[in-house]
């Protein structure tokens, strides 16, 4: 999955907004104002920080130790840095984006959930 495919996939999700709150080099996707994906635009390779259930994060890091690491500059218990230019399938990358998005939606106040 390249960055344009990633952008289209994220923006297709309900109530998603694209933002640059940390400067023009950091692309952020939010749902109802809360971050679910963040990536640097000036990196050597295309990596994305995605929120993840702590137990699943550990499993993923063990299974894909080269491609999925603890979240860079994030709470390492709840975030993974995922190498998008790797052997990981598009299906798995989409599942990880979906999981991050769903976790953030489930953490929203009940009145903001959909």
N, C-alpha and C. Protein backbone atom coordinates (compact mmCIF):
# COMPACT_ATOMS: atom_id res chain seq x y z
N UNK A 1 0.86 -1.18 0.00
CA UNK A 1 0.00 0.00 0.00
C UNK A 1 0.90 1.23 0.00
N UNK A 2 0.70 2.08 -0.98
CA UNK A 2 1.48 3.32 -1.02
C UNK A 2 0.73 4.44 -0.29
N UNK A 3 1.34 5.60 -0.22
CA UNK A 3 0.75 6.68 0.58
C UNK A 3 -0.58 7.17 0.00
N UNK A 4 -0.73 7.19 -1.31
CA UNK A 4 -2.01 7.64 -1.90
C UNK A 4 -3.12 6.65 -1.60
N UNK A 5 -2.83 5.36 -1.67
CA UNK A 5 -3.82 4.34 -1.33
C UNK A 5 -4.19 4.45 0.15
N UNK A 6 -3.19 4.68 0.98
CA UNK A 6 -3.41 4.87 2.42
C UNK A 6 -4.32 6.07 2.67
N UNK A 7 -4.03 7.19 2.03
CA UNK A 7 -4.84 8.41 2.19
C UNK A 7 -6.29 8.14 1.80
N UNK A 8 -6.50 7.54 0.64
CA UNK A 8 -7.86 7.27 0.17
C UNK A 8 -8.60 6.35 1.13
N UNK A 9 -7.89 5.33 1.63
CA UNK A 9 -8.52 4.38 2.55
C UNK A 9 -8.93 5.08 3.84
N UNK A 10 -8.05 5.89 4.39
CA UNK A 10 -8.36 6.60 5.64
C UNK A 10 -9.50 7.60 5.43
N UNK A 11 -9.42 8.37 4.36
CA UNK A 11 -10.43 9.42 4.13
C UNK A 11 -11.81 8.84 3.81
N UNK A 12 -11.88 7.59 3.41
CA UNK A 12 -13.17 6.96 3.13
C UNK A 12 -13.91 6.59 4.42
N UNK A 13 -13.23 6.63 5.53
CA UNK A 13 -13.85 6.28 6.81
C UNK A 13 -14.71 7.45 7.31
N UNK A 14 -15.81 7.10 7.91
CA UNK A 14 -16.78 8.08 8.38
C UNK A 14 -16.16 9.08 9.36
N UNK A 15 -16.42 10.36 9.15
CA UNK A 15 -15.99 11.47 10.01
C UNK A 15 -14.48 11.64 10.10
N UNK A 16 -13.75 11.13 9.13
CA UNK A 16 -12.29 11.26 9.15
C UNK A 16 -11.87 12.60 8.55
N UNK A 17 -10.88 13.20 9.18
CA UNK A 17 -10.31 14.43 8.65
C UNK A 17 -8.79 14.28 8.56
N UNK A 18 -8.23 14.88 7.53
CA UNK A 18 -6.79 14.90 7.33
C UNK A 18 -6.28 16.22 7.90
N UNK A 19 -5.15 16.17 8.61
CA UNK A 19 -4.69 17.36 9.29
C UNK A 19 -3.16 17.37 9.35
N UNK A 20 -2.59 18.54 9.62
CA UNK A 20 -1.15 18.71 9.79
C UNK A 20 -0.89 19.50 11.07
N UNK A 21 -1.33 19.00 12.24
CA UNK A 21 -1.19 19.77 13.48
C UNK A 21 0.25 19.90 13.97
N UNK A 22 1.16 19.06 13.46
CA UNK A 22 2.55 19.08 13.92
C UNK A 22 3.49 19.65 12.86
N UNK A 23 2.94 20.27 11.83
CA UNK A 23 3.74 20.83 10.75
C UNK A 23 3.50 20.11 9.44
N UNK A 24 4.04 20.68 8.38
CA UNK A 24 3.76 20.17 7.03
C UNK A 24 4.38 18.81 6.73
N UNK A 25 5.26 18.33 7.59
CA UNK A 25 5.92 17.04 7.37
C UNK A 25 5.24 15.88 8.07
N UNK A 26 4.19 16.14 8.82
CA UNK A 26 3.52 15.08 9.58
C UNK A 26 2.04 15.06 9.24
N UNK A 27 1.64 14.00 8.56
CA UNK A 27 0.26 13.82 8.13
C UNK A 27 -0.51 13.04 9.19
N UNK A 28 -1.65 13.58 9.61
CA UNK A 28 -2.43 12.99 10.70
C UNK A 28 -3.86 12.75 10.24
N UNK A 29 -4.40 11.60 10.62
CA UNK A 29 -5.82 11.30 10.38
C UNK A 29 -6.52 11.19 11.72
N UNK A 30 -7.65 11.90 11.79
CA UNK A 30 -8.42 11.95 13.03
C UNK A 30 -9.87 11.56 12.74
N UNK A 31 -10.51 11.03 13.77
CA UNK A 31 -11.95 10.81 13.74
C UNK A 31 -12.52 11.56 14.93
N UNK A 32 -13.43 12.48 14.65
CA UNK A 32 -14.02 13.32 15.69
C UNK A 32 -12.94 13.99 16.54
N UNK A 33 -11.85 14.41 15.90
CA UNK A 33 -10.79 15.15 16.58
C UNK A 33 -9.73 14.31 17.27
N UNK A 34 -9.84 12.97 17.22
CA UNK A 34 -8.87 12.10 17.89
C UNK A 34 -8.05 11.34 16.85
N UNK A 35 -6.76 11.31 17.05
CA UNK A 35 -5.84 10.68 16.09
C UNK A 35 -5.99 9.16 16.07
N UNK A 36 -6.05 8.62 14.83
CA UNK A 36 -5.99 7.16 14.67
C UNK A 36 -4.84 6.73 13.76
N UNK A 37 -4.24 7.66 13.02
CA UNK A 37 -3.09 7.34 12.17
C UNK A 37 -2.23 8.59 12.00
N UNK A 38 -0.92 8.37 12.01
CA UNK A 38 0.01 9.48 11.86
C UNK A 38 1.24 8.98 11.12
N UNK A 39 1.72 9.79 10.16
CA UNK A 39 2.89 9.40 9.39
C UNK A 39 3.74 10.61 9.04
N UNK A 40 5.02 10.40 8.97
CA UNK A 40 5.95 11.44 8.54
C UNK A 40 6.07 11.41 7.03
N UNK A 41 6.09 12.57 6.41
CA UNK A 41 6.16 12.63 4.96
C UNK A 41 7.58 12.69 4.41
N UNK A 42 8.54 12.97 5.25
CA UNK A 42 9.93 13.08 4.79
C UNK A 42 10.79 11.92 5.27
N UNK A 43 10.20 10.77 5.48
CA UNK A 43 10.93 9.60 5.94
C UNK A 43 11.50 8.83 4.75
N UNK A 44 12.52 8.03 5.01
CA UNK A 44 13.10 7.19 3.95
C UNK A 44 12.13 6.13 3.49
N UNK A 45 11.35 5.59 4.40
CA UNK A 45 10.35 4.59 4.04
C UNK A 45 9.01 5.01 4.61
N UNK A 46 7.96 4.47 4.05
CA UNK A 46 6.60 4.83 4.44
C UNK A 46 6.17 4.01 5.65
N UNK A 47 6.13 4.67 6.81
CA UNK A 47 5.73 4.05 8.08
C UNK A 47 4.55 4.83 8.63
N UNK A 48 3.67 4.11 9.33
CA UNK A 48 2.50 4.75 9.92
C UNK A 48 2.36 4.30 11.36
N UNK A 49 2.10 5.25 12.26
CA UNK A 49 1.76 4.91 13.64
C UNK A 49 0.26 4.68 13.70
N UNK A 50 -0.10 3.51 14.24
CA UNK A 50 -1.51 3.14 14.38
C UNK A 50 -1.78 2.69 15.80
N UNK A 51 -2.92 3.07 16.31
CA UNK A 51 -3.34 2.66 17.65
C UNK A 51 -3.65 1.15 17.61
N UNK A 52 -3.40 0.48 18.74
CA UNK A 52 -3.62 -0.96 18.77
C UNK A 52 -3.92 -1.41 20.19
N UNK A 53 -4.79 -2.39 20.32
CA UNK A 53 -5.05 -3.02 21.61
C UNK A 53 -3.72 -3.55 22.15
N UNK A 54 -3.39 -3.30 23.42
CA UNK A 54 -2.08 -3.69 23.95
C UNK A 54 -1.71 -5.16 23.76
N UNK A 55 -2.66 -6.07 23.98
CA UNK A 55 -2.35 -7.49 23.81
C UNK A 55 -2.09 -7.84 22.35
N UNK A 56 -2.92 -7.28 21.48
CA UNK A 56 -2.74 -7.52 20.04
C UNK A 56 -1.43 -6.88 19.56
N UNK A 57 -1.07 -5.73 20.12
CA UNK A 57 0.17 -5.06 19.73
C UNK A 57 1.37 -5.98 19.98
N UNK A 58 1.40 -6.62 21.12
CA UNK A 58 2.49 -7.53 21.45
C UNK A 58 2.53 -8.70 20.47
N UNK A 59 1.37 -9.28 20.19
CA UNK A 59 1.30 -10.41 19.25
C UNK A 59 1.81 -10.01 17.87
N UNK A 60 1.36 -8.86 17.40
CA UNK A 60 1.77 -8.39 16.08
C UNK A 60 3.27 -8.14 16.01
N UNK A 61 3.82 -7.54 17.06
CA UNK A 61 5.26 -7.26 17.09
C UNK A 61 6.08 -8.55 17.08
N UNK A 62 5.56 -9.58 17.76
CA UNK A 62 6.27 -10.86 17.77
C UNK A 62 6.17 -11.56 16.42
N UNK A 63 5.01 -11.52 15.82
CA UNK A 63 4.76 -12.18 14.55
C UNK A 63 5.46 -11.48 13.38
N UNK A 64 5.45 -10.17 13.40
CA UNK A 64 6.03 -9.36 12.32
C UNK A 64 7.10 -8.42 12.89
N UNK A 65 8.09 -9.00 13.55
CA UNK A 65 9.08 -8.19 14.30
C UNK A 65 9.88 -7.22 13.43
N UNK A 66 9.99 -7.47 12.14
CA UNK A 66 10.72 -6.53 11.27
C UNK A 66 9.82 -5.40 10.78
N UNK A 67 8.53 -5.67 10.65
CA UNK A 67 7.60 -4.72 10.05
C UNK A 67 6.77 -3.92 11.05
N UNK A 68 6.57 -4.46 12.25
CA UNK A 68 5.74 -3.80 13.25
C UNK A 68 6.54 -3.66 14.54
N UNK A 69 6.70 -2.41 14.95
CA UNK A 69 7.50 -2.10 16.13
C UNK A 69 6.68 -1.22 17.09
N UNK A 70 7.14 -1.08 18.33
CA UNK A 70 6.45 -0.15 19.25
C UNK A 70 6.39 1.25 18.63
N UNK A 71 5.32 1.95 18.88
CA UNK A 71 5.07 3.26 18.28
C UNK A 71 6.16 4.27 18.52
N UNK A 72 6.73 4.77 17.46
CA UNK A 72 7.78 5.77 17.52
C UNK A 72 7.19 7.10 18.00
N UNK A 73 7.75 7.67 19.05
CA UNK A 73 7.28 8.92 19.66
C UNK A 73 5.83 8.84 20.15
N UNK A 74 5.37 7.64 20.47
CA UNK A 74 4.00 7.43 20.94
C UNK A 74 4.04 6.55 22.18
N UNK A 75 2.90 6.39 22.84
CA UNK A 75 2.78 5.47 23.96
C UNK A 75 2.95 4.06 23.40
N UNK A 76 4.05 3.41 23.71
CA UNK A 76 4.40 2.14 23.11
C UNK A 76 3.47 1.00 23.51
N UNK A 77 2.70 1.19 24.54
CA UNK A 77 1.73 0.18 24.94
C UNK A 77 0.53 0.18 23.99
N UNK A 78 0.16 1.34 23.49
CA UNK A 78 -1.07 1.48 22.71
C UNK A 78 -0.85 1.80 21.22
N UNK A 79 0.38 1.99 20.81
CA UNK A 79 0.65 2.37 19.41
C UNK A 79 1.74 1.51 18.81
N UNK A 80 1.57 1.17 17.54
CA UNK A 80 2.59 0.48 16.76
C UNK A 80 3.03 1.36 15.60
N UNK A 81 4.29 1.23 15.23
CA UNK A 81 4.78 1.81 13.99
C UNK A 81 4.83 0.67 12.98
N UNK A 82 4.09 0.84 11.90
CA UNK A 82 3.94 -0.22 10.90
C UNK A 82 4.65 0.20 9.61
N UNK A 83 5.52 -0.66 9.14
CA UNK A 83 6.25 -0.44 7.89
C UNK A 83 5.31 -0.81 6.74
N UNK A 84 4.86 0.20 5.99
CA UNK A 84 3.90 -0.04 4.92
C UNK A 84 4.57 -0.53 3.64
N UNK A 85 5.85 -0.27 3.48
CA UNK A 85 6.59 -0.77 2.32
C UNK A 85 7.32 -2.03 2.74
N UNK A 86 6.57 -3.11 2.90
CA UNK A 86 7.12 -4.34 3.45
C UNK A 86 6.36 -5.53 2.88
N UNK A 87 6.59 -6.68 3.50
CA UNK A 87 5.93 -7.91 3.06
C UNK A 87 4.49 -8.03 3.57
N UNK A 88 4.05 -7.07 4.39
CA UNK A 88 2.70 -7.11 4.92
C UNK A 88 1.68 -6.93 3.79
N UNK A 89 0.65 -7.73 3.81
CA UNK A 89 -0.37 -7.66 2.76
C UNK A 89 -1.23 -6.40 2.91
N UNK A 90 -1.79 -5.97 1.81
CA UNK A 90 -2.71 -4.83 1.84
C UNK A 90 -3.88 -5.15 2.76
N UNK A 91 -4.35 -6.38 2.73
CA UNK A 91 -5.46 -6.79 3.60
C UNK A 91 -5.11 -6.58 5.07
N UNK A 92 -3.90 -7.00 5.48
CA UNK A 92 -3.49 -6.82 6.88
C UNK A 92 -3.34 -5.34 7.21
N UNK A 93 -2.75 -4.56 6.31
CA UNK A 93 -2.60 -3.13 6.55
C UNK A 93 -3.96 -2.46 6.72
N UNK A 94 -4.93 -2.85 5.90
CA UNK A 94 -6.28 -2.30 6.04
C UNK A 94 -6.90 -2.71 7.37
N UNK A 95 -6.68 -3.96 7.78
CA UNK A 95 -7.19 -4.43 9.07
C UNK A 95 -6.59 -3.62 10.22
N UNK A 96 -5.31 -3.30 10.13
CA UNK A 96 -4.65 -2.53 11.18
C UNK A 96 -5.17 -1.09 11.23
N UNK A 97 -5.42 -0.50 10.07
CA UNK A 97 -6.03 0.83 10.02
C UNK A 97 -7.43 0.78 10.62
N UNK A 98 -8.21 -0.22 10.22
CA UNK A 98 -9.57 -0.38 10.74
C UNK A 98 -9.56 -0.54 12.25
N UNK A 99 -8.65 -1.36 12.75
CA UNK A 99 -8.55 -1.60 14.19
C UNK A 99 -8.24 -0.30 14.94
N UNK A 100 -7.31 0.48 14.42
CA UNK A 100 -6.95 1.75 15.04
C UNK A 100 -8.16 2.69 15.05
N UNK A 101 -8.80 2.81 13.92
CA UNK A 101 -9.99 3.67 13.78
C UNK A 101 -11.08 3.23 14.77
N UNK A 102 -11.35 1.92 14.81
CA UNK A 102 -12.40 1.39 15.70
C UNK A 102 -12.07 1.62 17.17
N UNK A 103 -10.80 1.49 17.54
CA UNK A 103 -10.41 1.74 18.94
C UNK A 103 -10.68 3.20 19.32
N UNK A 104 -10.34 4.10 18.42
CA UNK A 104 -10.55 5.52 18.70
C UNK A 104 -12.04 5.82 18.79
N UNK A 105 -12.82 5.29 17.87
CA UNK A 105 -14.28 5.51 17.90
C UNK A 105 -14.86 4.97 19.21
N UNK A 106 -14.41 3.79 19.64
CA UNK A 106 -14.95 3.21 20.88
C UNK A 106 -14.56 4.00 22.12
N UNK A 107 -13.51 4.84 22.01
CA UNK A 107 -13.09 5.64 23.16
C UNK A 107 -13.80 7.01 23.20
N UNK A 108 -14.55 7.32 22.16
CA UNK A 108 -15.28 8.60 22.12
C UNK A 108 -16.43 8.59 23.13
N UNK A 109 -16.82 9.75 23.60
CA UNK A 109 -18.01 9.82 24.44
C UNK A 109 -19.21 9.20 23.68
N UNK A 110 -20.10 8.58 24.38
CA UNK A 110 -21.24 7.88 23.75
C UNK A 110 -21.99 8.80 22.78
N UNK A 111 -22.16 10.05 23.12
CA UNK A 111 -22.90 10.97 22.26
C UNK A 111 -22.22 11.23 20.92
N UNK A 112 -20.88 10.99 20.85
CA UNK A 112 -20.12 11.22 19.63
C UNK A 112 -19.91 9.97 18.78
N UNK A 113 -20.27 8.81 19.31
CA UNK A 113 -20.11 7.56 18.56
C UNK A 113 -21.18 7.45 17.50
N UNK A 114 -20.92 6.65 16.52
CA UNK A 114 -21.87 6.48 15.43
C UNK A 114 -22.00 5.03 15.05
